[in-house]
Amino acid sequence: MSPGQTIDVEHLDIAEGDVVKLDRVLLIADNDHLTVGKPVIQGAMVTATSKREGKGKKTVVFKYKSKVRYSKKIGHRQLYTRLAIDKISGPEATQGDPQKKVRRRKKEVAQSGA
């Protein structure tokens, strides 16, 4: 996501136009720099504004049992909240750190003394 984009999330109990801060950030990608959380990034935060609430597309659930004349049709529409991303802030300490280097062991070649 980038600032200015809108996303639909599961229904949040906030009024339209309110600002919400999301602190469970899993990944931040900024051009060449990538920060991945384990499982979340400590200190990262996304600030978003609520645009509207709505209902998603209808999902139809049809239950049927043969030979007993049983059938039931149920529809469901999931509530959602549309958010506009205002700002994505990452932890200051990890943005300047280089990526961790991986130590590789040299493969031991078995020398046979024939």
Protein backbone atom coordinates (compact mmCIF):
# COMPACT_ATOMS: atom_id res chain seq x y z
CA MET A 1 0.00 0.00 0.00
CA SER A 2 1.06 3.53 -0.48
CA PRO A 3 -0.36 6.81 0.81
CA GLY A 4 -3.45 7.84 -1.14
CA GLN A 5 -4.72 4.31 -1.83
CA THR A 6 -7.94 2.94 -0.41
CA ILE A 7 -8.46 -0.52 1.04
CA ASP A 8 -11.44 -2.44 2.37
CA VAL A 9 -11.00 -4.03 5.80
CA GLU A 10 -13.32 -5.96 8.10
CA HIS A 11 -15.90 -3.70 9.76
CA LEU A 12 -14.40 -1.27 12.30
CA ASP A 13 -16.61 0.56 14.80
CA ILE A 14 -15.50 4.09 13.83
CA ALA A 15 -17.38 7.03 12.32
CA GLU A 16 -16.88 8.21 8.76
CA GLY A 17 -14.02 10.71 8.53
CA ASP A 18 -12.30 9.56 11.75
CA VAL A 19 -8.58 8.80 11.79
CA VAL A 20 -7.50 5.30 12.80
CA LYS A 21 -3.98 4.13 13.67
CA LEU A 22 -3.08 0.53 12.83
CA ASP A 23 -0.05 -0.74 14.76
CA ARG A 24 0.10 -4.38 13.58
CA VAL A 25 2.22 -3.91 10.46
CA LEU A 26 3.57 -7.10 8.88
CA LEU A 27 5.71 -5.73 6.02
CA ILE A 28 7.00 -2.36 4.77
CA ALA A 29 8.42 -2.05 1.23
CA ASP A 30 10.09 1.25 0.30
CA ASN A 31 11.73 1.06 -3.15
CA ASP A 32 14.95 -0.90 -2.46
CA HIS A 33 14.42 -1.35 1.28
CA LEU A 34 12.25 -4.19 2.59
CA THR A 35 11.37 -4.68 6.27
CA VAL A 36 9.62 -7.89 7.31
CA GLY A 37 8.16 -8.42 10.78
CA LYS A 38 8.48 -11.49 12.95
CA PRO A 39 5.43 -11.58 13.06
CA VAL A 40 4.94 -7.77 13.26
CA ILE A 41 7.29 -4.80 12.91
CA GLN A 42 7.83 -3.18 16.31
CA GLY A 43 7.26 0.60 16.20
CA ALA A 44 5.67 0.68 12.73
CA MET A 45 2.31 2.37 12.28
CA VAL A 46 -0.18 3.08 9.49
CA THR A 47 -2.44 6.12 9.76
CA ALA A 48 -5.67 5.95 7.75
CA THR A 49 -8.95 7.86 7.41
CA SER A 50 -12.34 6.12 7.32
CA LYS A 51 -14.15 6.87 4.07
CA ARG A 52 -17.33 4.79 4.30
CA GLU A 53 -18.93 1.58 5.46
CA GLY A 54 -20.70 -0.89 3.27
CA LYS A 55 -21.63 -4.47 2.53
CA GLY A 56 -19.67 -6.81 0.28
CA LYS A 57 -21.02 -9.04 -2.46
CA LYS A 58 -23.58 -11.65 -1.47
CA THR A 59 -22.33 -15.15 -0.75
CA VAL A 60 -24.94 -17.85 -1.22
CA VAL A 61 -24.87 -20.92 1.02
CA PHE A 62 -27.09 -23.78 -0.16
CA LYS A 63 -27.62 -26.81 2.07
CA TYR A 64 -29.15 -29.95 0.60
CA LYS A 65 -29.74 -33.49 1.82
CA SER A 66 -30.89 -36.06 -0.65
CA LYS A 67 -33.82 -38.41 0.04
CA VAL A 68 -35.13 -36.42 3.02
CA ARG A 69 -36.56 -33.40 1.14
CA TYR A 70 -34.30 -30.94 2.95
CA SER A 71 -32.89 -27.84 1.28
CA LYS A 72 -32.02 -24.46 2.70
CA LYS A 73 -30.72 -21.38 0.90
CA ILE A 74 -28.96 -18.68 2.95
CA GLY A 75 -27.35 -15.45 1.76
CA HIS A 76 -24.66 -13.46 3.59
CA ARG A 77 -23.13 -10.03 3.00
CA GLN A 78 -20.02 -9.19 5.02
CA LEU A 79 -19.74 -5.66 6.45
CA TYR A 80 -16.58 -3.70 5.63
CA THR A 81 -14.99 -0.30 6.25
CA ARG A 82 -13.15 1.52 3.45
CA LEU A 83 -9.94 3.21 4.62
CA ALA A 84 -7.76 5.76 2.80
CA ILE A 85 -4.07 5.37 3.70
CA ASP A 86 -2.60 8.69 4.88
CA LYS A 87 0.84 7.80 6.23
CA ILE A 88 3.03 4.73 6.70
CA SER A 89 5.72 5.16 9.32
CA GLY A 90 8.33 2.52 10.06
CA PRO A 91 10.59 2.06 13.03
CA GLU A 92 13.46 4.53 12.90
CA ALA A 93 16.08 2.11 14.23
CA THR A 94 15.63 -0.56 11.55
CA GLN A 95 15.40 1.64 8.46
CA GLY A 96 19.10 2.49 8.37
CA ASP A 97 20.39 -0.97 9.29
CA PRO A 98 21.83 -3.06 6.49
CA GLN A 99 20.38 -6.47 5.90
CA LYS A 100 21.77 -9.29 7.98
CA LYS A 101 24.51 -11.20 6.19
CA VAL A 102 24.21 -14.94 6.00
CA ARG A 103 27.21 -17.00 7.06
CA ARG A 104 27.85 -19.93 4.81
CA ARG A 105 30.09 -22.80 5.69
CA LYS A 106 32.52 -24.14 3.17
CA LYS A 107 31.62 -27.56 2.00
CA GLU A 108 34.04 -30.13 3.24
CA VAL A 109 35.44 -32.10 0.39
CA ALA A 110 36.31 -35.62 1.34
CA GLN A 111 39.77 -36.39 0.09
CA SER A 112 40.35 -40.00 -0.62
CA GLY A 113 43.92 -41.21 -0.25
CA ALA A 114 44.11 -43.94 -2.84
